C-alpha atoms as a PDB file:
ATOM      1  CA  MET A   1      -5.947  23.741  -4.583  1.00  0.00           C
ATOM      2  CA  THR A   2      -7.578  22.194  -1.444  1.00  0.00           C
ATOM      3  CA  GLN A   3      -5.111  20.378   0.757  1.00  0.00           C
ATOM      4  CA  ARG A   4      -6.404  16.592   1.552  1.00  0.00           C
ATOM      5  CA  TYR A   5      -5.043  16.668   5.156  1.00  0.00           C
ATOM      6  CA  GLY A   6      -5.585  18.603   8.178  1.00  0.00           C
ATOM      7  CA  ILE A   7      -6.000  18.506  12.053  1.00  0.00           C
ATOM      8  CA  ARG A   8      -8.635  18.604  14.296  1.00  0.00           C
ATOM      9  CA  LYS A   9      -8.743  18.947  18.158  1.00  0.00           C
ATOM     10  CA  THR A  10     -10.204  16.529  20.242  1.00  0.00           C
ATOM     11  CA  PRO A  11     -12.257  17.511  23.369  1.00  0.00           C
ATOM     12  CA  GLU A  12      -9.493  16.098  25.354  1.00  0.00           C
ATOM     13  CA  GLY A  13      -6.978  18.672  23.901  1.00  0.00           C
ATOM     14  CA  SER A  14      -4.885  16.500  21.759  1.00  0.00           C
ATOM     15  CA  TRP A  15      -5.256  16.359  17.949  1.00  0.00           C
ATOM     16  CA  ASP A  16      -6.164  14.136  15.242  1.00  0.00           C
ATOM     17  CA  VAL A  17      -4.819  13.995  11.627  1.00  0.00           C
ATOM     18  CA  ILE A  18      -7.961  13.943   9.431  1.00  0.00           C
ATOM     19  CA  ASP A  19      -8.790  13.651   5.692  1.00  0.00           C
ATOM     20  CA  VAL A  20     -10.701  16.925   5.225  1.00  0.00           C
ATOM     21  CA  PHE A  21     -12.714  15.307   2.392  1.00  0.00           C
ATOM     22  CA  THR A  22     -14.220  12.512   4.657  1.00  0.00           C
ATOM     23  CA  GLY A  23     -13.648  14.184   7.887  1.00  0.00           C
ATOM     24  CA  LEU A  24     -12.417  10.895   9.180  1.00  0.00           C
ATOM     25  CA  PRO A  25      -9.146  10.377  11.031  1.00  0.00           C
ATOM     26  CA  VAL A  26      -6.130   9.236   8.697  1.00  0.00           C
ATOM     27  CA  THR A  27      -4.794   5.653   9.110  1.00  0.00           C
ATOM     28  CA  GLU A  28      -1.065   4.836   8.145  1.00  0.00           C
ATOM     29  CA  ASP A  29       0.055   1.397   8.026  1.00  0.00           C
ATOM     30  CA  GLY A  30      -2.890   0.491  10.298  1.00  0.00           C
ATOM     31  CA  VAL A  31      -2.100   3.086  12.713  1.00  0.00           C
ATOM     32  CA  PRO A  32      -4.850   5.877  13.463  1.00  0.00           C
ATOM     33  CA  LEU A  33      -3.024   9.032  13.358  1.00  0.00           C
ATOM     34  CA  ILE A  34      -5.168  10.529  16.586  1.00  0.00           C
ATOM     35  CA  ASP A  35      -4.547  11.863  20.154  1.00  0.00           C
ATOM     36  CA  MET A  36      -1.228  13.463  19.506  1.00  0.00           C
ATOM     37  CA  PRO A  37       0.485  16.775  20.279  1.00  0.00           C
ATOM     38  CA  VAL A  38      -0.149  19.659  17.809  1.00  0.00           C
ATOM     39  CA  GLU A  39       3.436  19.752  16.651  1.00  0.00           C
ATOM     40  CA  GLU A  40       3.441  15.983  15.621  1.00  0.00           C
ATOM     41  CA  ALA A  41       0.071  16.450  14.018  1.00  0.00           C
ATOM     42  CA  ASP A  42       1.343  19.513  12.039  1.00  0.00           C
ATOM     43  CA  GLU A  43       4.521  17.745  10.866  1.00  0.00           C
ATOM     44  CA  LEU A  44       2.440  14.596   9.622  1.00  0.00           C
ATOM     45  CA  VAL A  45      -0.185  16.909   8.089  1.00  0.00           C
ATOM     46  CA  GLU A  46       2.735  18.592   6.011  1.00  0.00           C
ATOM     47  CA  LEU A  47       4.360  15.399   5.051  1.00  0.00           C
ATOM     48  CA  LEU A  48       0.852  13.647   4.103  1.00  0.00           C
ATOM     49  CA  ASN A  49       0.040  16.817   1.665  1.00  0.00           C
ATOM     50  CA  TYR A  50       3.270  16.924   0.161  1.00  0.00           C
ATOM     51  CA  ARG A  51       3.111  13.226  -0.536  1.00  0.00           C
ATOM     52  CA  ASP A  52      -0.527  13.694  -1.726  1.00  0.00           C
ATOM     53  CA  ARG A  53       0.622  16.326  -4.139  1.00  0.00           C
ATOM     54  CA  ARG A  54       3.438  14.390  -5.544  1.00  0.00           C
ATOM     55  CA  GLN A  55       1.063  11.417  -6.353  1.00  0.00           C
ATOM     56  CA  ARG A  56      -1.469  13.693  -8.133  1.00  0.00           C
ATOM     57  CA  GLY A  57       1.487  15.280  -9.988  1.00  0.00           C
ATOM     58  CA  ASP A  58       1.179  18.600  -8.469  1.00  0.00           C
ATOM     59  CA  GLY A  59       4.298  19.014  -6.625  1.00  0.00           C
END
């Protein structure tokens, strides 16, 4: 199964959490998940993919 969320490095060297199906940055509670350290982005991707799997009944 393809995971819905991933990270993408910005030209400035920070990281954005993206929806891999749309290629767009993810927004949670009105906050875009952009310009963050790689560790923070990785943790958020794990959480978002876990939540997505649960919502689809795959996890």
